[in-house]
Amino acid sequence: MNPLSTWVYFFCGPSSADLSHQLEAWRGIQDHYEVLDVVPVCGATAAPLKIQSPVLRLETPIVQPLFSAEAQWLGNVRHLHYTPSAVRAELQKRSAVPYPPSENTVAVLIPIRKSAGWWNLAHDERQKYFEKKPERRNHTAIGYDYARKIYRKLYHARYLDKAAAPDYDFLTYFEFQAEDRPVFQKLLHELRDLSLNPEWQFVDYELEIWLKKTAVSSPLLTAKTA
């Protein structure tokens, strides 16, 4: 799968049985989850999700139509805009891989939106908020410290077709083992600490959706032919 043409869809509500007629036709990687908790962080009220609701995550090279669900989020994979090549290479060597589904595997989906003040900055001004400084670590260095235990993937939504009407700019997706929940919460605390990471002052919408990973990823599926 070409990572630059990868789309992600999170569908909450439909069960595998409800989607059985579509799962076989979708080309992509499919992961299944159960909602554990929903935590509004800023600028957000709780999403219309019920605890224990099923969630499907579909990664696919093919744009899919949206359909009725309790809630749904979409995004796509793009180049890392603020990570130099050397840091990117180190992160790739250091980073955790996705964890297998089990009672012990926790996933967290966090939709995030940044304020107009952020997007009004020039690219080089935004870049500075990711670079490590003598007086503070900033975003990239904080993430680097936790990469061995916490799998992370970033999806973009800001420039999607507005017909989809996403109210977020990014989907940040994490996986880790249940015993590392304090480690993950420390990561979130540091990212939101303005003395360590001033970039977070520009976040005006954030919602944590805690999930349990319940089913094995499907292999790449080939659409049925007539």
C-alpha atoms as a PDB file:
ATOM      1  CA  MET A   1       0.000   0.000   0.000  1.00  0.00           C
ATOM      2  CA  ASN A   2       1.466   3.345  -1.018  1.00  0.00           C
ATOM      3  CA  PRO A   3       1.562   5.378   2.242  1.00  0.00           C
ATOM      4  CA  LEU A   4       0.985   8.602   0.345  1.00  0.00           C
ATOM      5  CA  SER A   5      -2.315   7.337  -1.020  1.00  0.00           C
ATOM      6  CA  THR A   6      -3.541   5.806   2.229  1.00  0.00           C
ATOM      7  CA  TRP A   7      -6.942   6.821   3.573  1.00  0.00           C
ATOM      8  CA  VAL A   8      -8.214   5.992   7.033  1.00  0.00           C
ATOM      9  CA  TYR A   9     -11.811   5.657   8.183  1.00  0.00           C
ATOM     10  CA  PHE A  10     -12.983   5.126  11.743  1.00  0.00           C
ATOM     11  CA  PHE A  11     -16.614   3.987  11.851  1.00  0.00           C
ATOM     12  CA  CYS A  12     -18.275   3.760  15.260  1.00  0.00           C
ATOM     13  CA  GLY A  13     -21.492   1.835  15.777  1.00  0.00           C
ATOM     14  CA  PRO A  14     -21.797  -0.779  13.013  1.00  0.00           C
ATOM     15  CA  SER A  15     -20.760  -4.272  14.060  1.00  0.00           C
ATOM     16  CA  SER A  16     -18.833  -6.679  11.868  1.00  0.00           C
ATOM     17  CA  ALA A  17     -22.122  -8.435  11.126  1.00  0.00           C
ATOM     18  CA  ASP A  18     -23.701  -5.145  10.016  1.00  0.00           C
ATOM     19  CA  LEU A  19     -20.766  -4.513   7.678  1.00  0.00           C
ATOM     20  CA  SER A  20     -20.247  -8.083   6.471  1.00  0.00           C
ATOM     21  CA  HIS A  21     -21.479  -7.284   2.958  1.00  0.00           C
ATOM     22  CA  GLN A  22     -18.963  -4.423   2.701  1.00  0.00           C
ATOM     23  CA  LEU A  23     -15.950  -5.867   4.531  1.00  0.00           C
ATOM     24  CA  GLU A  24     -15.318  -8.403   1.797  1.00  0.00           C
ATOM     25  CA  ALA A  25     -15.437  -5.740  -0.909  1.00  0.00           C
ATOM     26  CA  TRP A  26     -13.170  -3.211   0.807  1.00  0.00           C
ATOM     27  CA  ARG A  27      -9.497  -3.312  -0.091  1.00  0.00           C
ATOM     28  CA  GLY A  28      -7.457  -2.439   2.940  1.00  0.00           C
ATOM     29  CA  ILE A  29      -6.387  -3.233   6.470  1.00  0.00           C
ATOM     30  CA  GLN A  30      -9.230  -3.602   8.946  1.00  0.00           C
ATOM     31  CA  ASP A  31      -8.915  -3.394  12.727  1.00  0.00           C
ATOM     32  CA  HIS A  32     -11.766  -3.769  15.195  1.00  0.00           C
ATOM     33  CA  TYR A  33     -12.151  -2.091  18.579  1.00  0.00           C
ATOM     34  CA  GLU A  34     -14.506  -1.500  21.483  1.00  0.00           C
ATOM     35  CA  VAL A  35     -14.996   1.948  23.041  1.00  0.00           C
ATOM     36  CA  LEU A  36     -13.604   2.149  26.584  1.00  0.00           C
ATOM     37  CA  ASP A  37     -14.028   5.863  27.314  1.00  0.00           C
ATOM     38  CA  VAL A  38     -14.450   9.299  25.714  1.00  0.00           C
ATOM     39  CA  VAL A  39     -12.647  12.258  27.307  1.00  0.00           C
ATOM     40  CA  PRO A  40     -13.244  15.842  26.108  1.00  0.00           C
ATOM     41  CA  VAL A  41     -10.006  17.816  26.483  1.00  0.00           C
ATOM     42  CA  CYS A  42     -10.681  21.252  25.018  1.00  0.00           C
ATOM     43  CA  GLY A  43     -13.261  22.838  22.727  1.00  0.00           C
ATOM     44  CA  ALA A  44     -15.157  19.553  22.606  1.00  0.00           C
ATOM     45  CA  THR A  45     -18.085  17.905  24.257  1.00  0.00           C
ATOM     46  CA  ALA A  46     -18.284  14.139  24.441  1.00  0.00           C
ATOM     47  CA  ALA A  47     -18.805  12.556  21.024  1.00  0.00           C
ATOM     48  CA  PRO A  48     -22.048  10.573  20.597  1.00  0.00           C
ATOM     49  CA  LEU A  49     -20.313   7.309  21.468  1.00  0.00           C
ATOM     50  CA  LYS A  50     -21.504   4.649  23.853  1.00  0.00           C
ATOM     51  CA  ILE A  51     -19.121   2.652  26.013  1.00  0.00           C
ATOM     52  CA  GLN A  52     -18.543  -0.802  24.451  1.00  0.00           C
ATOM     53  CA  SER A  53     -19.694   0.416  21.031  1.00  0.00           C
ATOM     54  CA  PRO A  54     -17.812  -1.344  18.212  1.00  0.00           C
ATOM     55  CA  VAL A  55     -15.383   0.672  16.098  1.00  0.00           C
ATOM     56  CA  LEU A  56     -13.909  -0.301  12.726  1.00  0.00           C
ATOM     57  CA  ARG A  57     -10.674   1.242  11.463  1.00  0.00           C
ATOM     58  CA  LEU A  58     -10.136   0.861   7.725  1.00  0.00           C
ATOM     59  CA  GLU A  59      -6.861   1.838   6.019  1.00  0.00           C
ATOM     60  CA  THR A  60      -7.235   1.717   2.264  1.00  0.00           C
ATOM     61  CA  PRO A  61      -5.788   3.184  -0.944  1.00  0.00           C
ATOM     62  CA  ILE A  62      -9.334   3.706  -2.234  1.00  0.00           C
ATOM     63  CA  VAL A  63     -11.623   6.574  -1.239  1.00  0.00           C
ATOM     64  CA  GLN A  64     -14.728   5.091   0.386  1.00  0.00           C
ATOM     65  CA  PRO A  65     -18.249   6.537   0.622  1.00  0.00           C
ATOM     66  CA  LEU A  66     -19.345   7.524   4.104  1.00  0.00           C
ATOM     67  CA  PHE A  67     -22.454   5.953   5.543  1.00  0.00           C
ATOM     68  CA  SER A  68     -24.664   6.248   8.586  1.00  0.00           C
ATOM     69  CA  ALA A  69     -22.857   5.536  11.856  1.00  0.00           C
ATOM     70  CA  GLU A  70     -22.908   6.772  15.452  1.00  0.00           C
ATOM     71  CA  ALA A  71     -19.759   8.712  14.603  1.00  0.00           C
ATOM     72  CA  GLN A  72     -17.056   8.573  11.959  1.00  0.00           C
ATOM     73  CA  TRP A  73     -13.687  10.172  11.324  1.00  0.00           C
ATOM     74  CA  LEU A  74     -11.555  10.207   8.196  1.00  0.00           C
ATOM     75  CA  GLY A  75      -8.109  11.377   7.153  1.00  0.00           C
ATOM     76  CA  ASN A  76      -5.154  10.520   4.976  1.00  0.00           C
ATOM     77  CA  VAL A  77      -1.422   9.985   5.283  1.00  0.00           C
ATOM     78  CA  ARG A  78       0.858  12.799   4.125  1.00  0.00           C
ATOM     79  CA  HIS A  79       4.534  13.708   4.308  1.00  0.00           C
ATOM     80  CA  LEU A  80       5.849  14.660   7.750  1.00  0.00           C
ATOM     81  CA  HIS A  81       6.047  18.434   7.370  1.00  0.00           C
ATOM     82  CA  TYR A  82       8.139  19.377  10.391  1.00  0.00           C
ATOM     83  CA  THR A  83      10.485  16.398  10.896  1.00  0.00           C
ATOM     84  CA  PRO A  84      14.002  16.623   9.359  1.00  0.00           C
ATOM     85  CA  SER A  85      15.238  13.545   7.509  1.00  0.00           C
ATOM     86  CA  ALA A  86      17.814  12.600  10.158  1.00  0.00           C
ATOM     87  CA  VAL A  87      15.241  12.758  12.950  1.00  0.00           C
ATOM     88  CA  ARG A  88      12.753  10.875  10.769  1.00  0.00           C
ATOM     89  CA  ALA A  89      15.279   8.072  10.220  1.00  0.00           C
ATOM     90  CA  GLU A  90      15.998   7.817  13.957  1.00  0.00           C
ATOM     91  CA  LEU A  91      12.298   7.761  14.771  1.00  0.00           C
ATOM     92  CA  GLN A  92      11.709   5.003  12.247  1.00  0.00           C
ATOM     93  CA  LYS A  93      14.389   2.830  13.858  1.00  0.00           C
ATOM     94  CA  ARG A  94      13.186   3.575  17.372  1.00  0.00           C
ATOM     95  CA  SER A  95       9.410   3.497  16.966  1.00  0.00           C
ATOM     96  CA  ALA A  96       7.131   0.752  18.228  1.00  0.00           C
ATOM     97  CA  VAL A  97       5.115  -1.265  15.709  1.00  0.00           C
ATOM     98  CA  PRO A  98       1.340  -1.892  15.994  1.00  0.00           C
ATOM     99  CA  TYR A  99       0.395  -4.203  18.848  1.00  0.00           C
ATOM    100  CA  PRO A 100      -1.643  -7.392  18.368  1.00  0.00           C
ATOM    101  CA  PRO A 101      -5.285  -7.367  19.474  1.00  0.00           C
ATOM    102  CA  SER A 102      -5.797  -8.573  23.036  1.00  0.00           C
ATOM    103  CA  GLU A 103      -7.319  -7.587  26.350  1.00  0.00           C
ATOM    104  CA  ASN A 104      -3.991  -5.855  26.990  1.00  0.00           C
ATOM    105  CA  THR A 105      -3.837  -3.663  23.857  1.00  0.00           C
ATOM    106  CA  VAL A 106      -5.174  -0.137  24.251  1.00  0.00           C
ATOM    107  CA  ALA A 107      -5.645   2.312  21.376  1.00  0.00           C
ATOM    108  CA  VAL A 108      -6.467   6.010  21.595  1.00  0.00           C
ATOM    109  CA  LEU A 109      -7.816   8.123  18.750  1.00  0.00           C
ATOM    110  CA  ILE A 110      -7.434  11.886  19.267  1.00  0.00           C
ATOM    111  CA  PRO A 111      -9.007  14.294  16.762  1.00  0.00           C
ATOM    112  CA  ILE A 112      -7.254  17.692  17.016  1.00  0.00           C
ATOM    113  CA  ARG A 113      -7.934  21.100  15.522  1.00  0.00           C
ATOM    114  CA  LYS A 114      -5.558  24.063  15.605  1.00  0.00           C
ATOM    115  CA  SER A 115      -6.571  27.690  15.756  1.00  0.00           C
ATOM    116  CA  ALA A 116      -6.470  30.261  12.956  1.00  0.00           C
ATOM    117  CA  GLY A 117      -3.463  31.758  14.755  1.00  0.00           C
ATOM    118  CA  TRP A 118      -1.454  28.612  13.964  1.00  0.00           C
ATOM    119  CA  TRP A 119      -2.414  28.487  10.307  1.00  0.00           C
ATOM    120  CA  ASN A 120      -1.665  32.197   9.908  1.00  0.00           C
ATOM    121  CA  LEU A 121       1.986  31.560  10.838  1.00  0.00           C
ATOM    122  CA  ALA A 122       4.485  31.079   8.033  1.00  0.00           C
ATOM    123  CA  HIS A 123       5.802  27.527   7.612  1.00  0.00           C
ATOM    124  CA  ASP A 124       9.224  28.400   9.069  1.00  0.00           C
ATOM    125  CA  GLU A 125       7.538  29.947  12.124  1.00  0.00           C
ATOM    126  CA  ARG A 126       5.533  26.758  12.699  1.00  0.00           C
ATOM    127  CA  GLN A 127       8.671  24.669  12.178  1.00  0.00           C
ATOM    128  CA  LYS A 128      10.344  26.313  15.188  1.00  0.00           C
ATOM    129  CA  TYR A 129       7.703  24.892  17.505  1.00  0.00           C
ATOM    130  CA  PHE A 130       8.833  21.348  16.654  1.00  0.00           C
ATOM    131  CA  GLU A 131      12.581  21.863  17.015  1.00  0.00           C
ATOM    132  CA  LYS A 132      14.343  21.091  20.282  1.00  0.00           C
ATOM    133  CA  LYS A 133      15.650  24.202  22.055  1.00  0.00           C
ATOM    134  CA  PRO A 134      18.084  24.576  24.962  1.00  0.00           C
ATOM    135  CA  GLU A 135      15.277  25.914  27.147  1.00  0.00           C
ATOM    136  CA  ARG A 136      12.551  23.437  26.125  1.00  0.00           C
ATOM    137  CA  ARG A 137      12.110  20.091  24.356  1.00  0.00           C
ATOM    138  CA  ASN A 138       9.167  20.863  22.039  1.00  0.00           C
ATOM    139  CA  HIS A 139       6.909  18.414  20.207  1.00  0.00           C
ATOM    140  CA  THR A 140       9.340  16.183  18.282  1.00  0.00           C
ATOM    141  CA  ALA A 141      11.774  15.594  21.146  1.00  0.00           C
ATOM    142  CA  ILE A 142       8.935  14.751  23.547  1.00  0.00           C
ATOM    143  CA  GLY A 143       7.476  12.201  21.122  1.00  0.00           C
ATOM    144  CA  TYR A 144      10.926  10.697  20.501  1.00  0.00           C
ATOM    145  CA  ASP A 145      11.320   9.868  24.204  1.00  0.00           C
ATOM    146  CA  TYR A 146       8.179   7.690  24.170  1.00  0.00           C
ATOM    147  CA  ALA A 147       8.458   6.103  20.721  1.00  0.00           C
ATOM    148  CA  ARG A 148       9.763   2.711  21.910  1.00  0.00           C
ATOM    149  CA  LYS A 149       6.618   1.889  23.882  1.00  0.00           C
ATOM    150  CA  ILE A 150       3.896   3.865  22.127  1.00  0.00           C
ATOM    151  CA  TYR A 151       2.965   3.275  18.494  1.00  0.00           C
ATOM    152  CA  ARG A 152       1.788   6.478  16.820  1.00  0.00           C
ATOM    153  CA  LYS A 153       0.351   7.354  13.420  1.00  0.00           C
ATOM    154  CA  LEU A 154      -0.758  10.757  12.139  1.00  0.00           C
ATOM    155  CA  TYR A 155      -3.546  11.358   9.626  1.00  0.00           C
ATOM    156  CA  HIS A 156      -4.400  14.718   8.036  1.00  0.00           C
ATOM    157  CA  ALA A 157      -7.916  16.056   7.564  1.00  0.00           C
ATOM    158  CA  ARG A 158      -7.600  19.828   7.155  1.00  0.00           C
ATOM    159  CA  TYR A 159      -7.581  19.782   3.362  1.00  0.00           C
ATOM    160  CA  LEU A 160     -10.178  17.101   2.780  1.00  0.00           C
ATOM    161  CA  ASP A 161     -13.260  17.759   0.686  1.00  0.00           C
ATOM    162  CA  LYS A 162     -15.366  20.072   2.808  1.00  0.00           C
ATOM    163  CA  ALA A 163     -18.419  18.006   1.893  1.00  0.00           C
ATOM    164  CA  ALA A 164     -17.113  15.619   4.543  1.00  0.00           C
ATOM    165  CA  ALA A 165     -17.193  18.600   6.981  1.00  0.00           C
ATOM    166  CA  PRO A 166     -14.518  17.410   9.451  1.00  0.00           C
ATOM    167  CA  ASP A 167     -14.209  19.706  12.470  1.00  0.00           C
ATOM    168  CA  TYR A 168     -10.601  18.658  13.115  1.00  0.00           C
ATOM    169  CA  ASP A 169      -7.275  19.126  11.311  1.00  0.00           C
ATOM    170  CA  PHE A 170      -5.582  15.881  12.347  1.00  0.00           C
ATOM    171  CA  LEU A 171      -6.304  12.424  13.684  1.00  0.00           C
ATOM    172  CA  THR A 172      -3.570  11.185  15.997  1.00  0.00           C
ATOM    173  CA  TYR A 173      -3.723   7.449  16.641  1.00  0.00           C
ATOM    174  CA  PHE A 174      -1.812   5.573  19.367  1.00  0.00           C
ATOM    175  CA  GLU A 175      -1.426   1.980  20.557  1.00  0.00           C
ATOM    176  CA  PHE A 176       0.269   0.667  23.686  1.00  0.00           C
ATOM    177  CA  GLN A 177       0.052  -2.063  26.297  1.00  0.00           C
ATOM    178  CA  ALA A 178      -2.362  -1.549  29.181  1.00  0.00           C
ATOM    179  CA  GLU A 179       0.438  -1.492  31.743  1.00  0.00           C
ATOM    180  CA  ASP A 180       1.942   1.475  29.869  1.00  0.00           C
ATOM    181  CA  ARG A 181      -1.146   3.643  30.280  1.00  0.00           C
ATOM    182  CA  PRO A 182       0.707   5.859  32.840  1.00  0.00           C
ATOM    183  CA  VAL A 183       3.512   6.259  30.293  1.00  0.00           C
ATOM    184  CA  PHE A 184       1.040   7.362  27.637  1.00  0.00           C
ATOM    185  CA  GLN A 185      -0.653   9.785  30.014  1.00  0.00           C
ATOM    186  CA  LYS A 186       2.736  11.258  30.862  1.00  0.00           C
ATOM    187  CA  LEU A 187       3.346  11.757  27.131  1.00  0.00           C
ATOM    188  CA  LEU A 188       0.036  13.630  26.809  1.00  0.00           C
ATOM    189  CA  HIS A 189       0.843  15.709  29.902  1.00  0.00           C
ATOM    190  CA  GLU A 190       4.209  16.760  28.479  1.00  0.00           C
ATOM    191  CA  LEU A 191       2.779  17.571  25.050  1.00  0.00           C
ATOM    192  CA  ARG A 192       0.157  19.799  26.717  1.00  0.00           C
ATOM    193  CA  ASP A 193       2.649  21.495  29.053  1.00  0.00           C
ATOM    194  CA  LEU A 194       3.267  24.909  27.474  1.00  0.00           C
ATOM    195  CA  SER A 195       6.599  25.269  29.280  1.00  0.00           C
ATOM    196  CA  LEU A 196       7.830  22.175  27.404  1.00  0.00           C
ATOM    197  CA  ASN A 197       5.803  22.482  24.203  1.00  0.00           C
ATOM    198  CA  PRO A 198       4.409  25.979  23.464  1.00  0.00           C
ATOM    199  CA  GLU A 199       2.889  24.677  20.218  1.00  0.00           C
ATOM    200  CA  TRP A 200      -0.049  23.328  22.249  1.00  0.00           C
ATOM    201  CA  GLN A 201      -1.321  26.861  22.886  1.00  0.00           C
ATOM    202  CA  PHE A 202      -2.705  26.713  19.327  1.00  0.00           C
ATOM    203  CA  VAL A 203      -4.884  23.641  19.922  1.00  0.00           C
ATOM    204  CA  ASP A 204      -8.531  24.691  20.249  1.00  0.00           C
ATOM    205  CA  TYR A 205     -10.248  21.298  19.873  1.00  0.00           C
ATOM    206  CA  GLU A 206      -9.150  17.932  21.240  1.00  0.00           C
ATOM    207  CA  LEU A 207     -11.010  14.760  22.161  1.00  0.00           C
ATOM    208  CA  GLU A 208      -9.629  11.455  23.493  1.00  0.00           C
ATOM    209  CA  ILE A 209     -11.393   8.283  22.344  1.00  0.00           C
ATOM    210  CA  TRP A 210     -10.073   5.295  24.292  1.00  0.00           C
ATOM    211  CA  LEU A 211     -10.418   1.886  22.634  1.00  0.00           C
ATOM    212  CA  LYS A 212      -9.628  -1.781  23.184  1.00  0.00           C
ATOM    213  CA  LYS A 213      -8.235  -3.528  20.109  1.00  0.00           C
ATOM    214  CA  THR A 214     -10.329  -6.657  19.693  1.00  0.00           C
ATOM    215  CA  ALA A 215      -9.642  -8.274  16.308  1.00  0.00           C
ATOM    216  CA  VAL A 216      -6.684  -9.115  14.093  1.00  0.00           C
ATOM    217  CA  SER A 217      -5.954  -6.830  11.160  1.00  0.00           C
ATOM    218  CA  SER A 218      -7.214  -8.294   7.913  1.00  0.00           C
ATOM    219  CA  PRO A 219      -4.767  -8.897   5.082  1.00  0.00           C
ATOM    220  CA  LEU A 220      -5.062  -6.647   2.054  1.00  0.00           C
ATOM    221  CA  LEU A 221      -8.353  -7.621   0.492  1.00  0.00           C
ATOM    222  CA  THR A 222      -9.129  -7.633  -3.197  1.00  0.00           C
ATOM    223  CA  ALA A 223     -12.511  -6.342  -4.276  1.00  0.00           C
ATOM    224  CA  LYS A 224     -14.839  -8.988  -5.616  1.00  0.00           C
ATOM    225  CA  THR A 225     -15.209  -9.106  -9.336  1.00  0.00           C
ATOM    226  CA  ALA A 226     -18.496  -9.687 -11.079  1.00  0.00           C
END
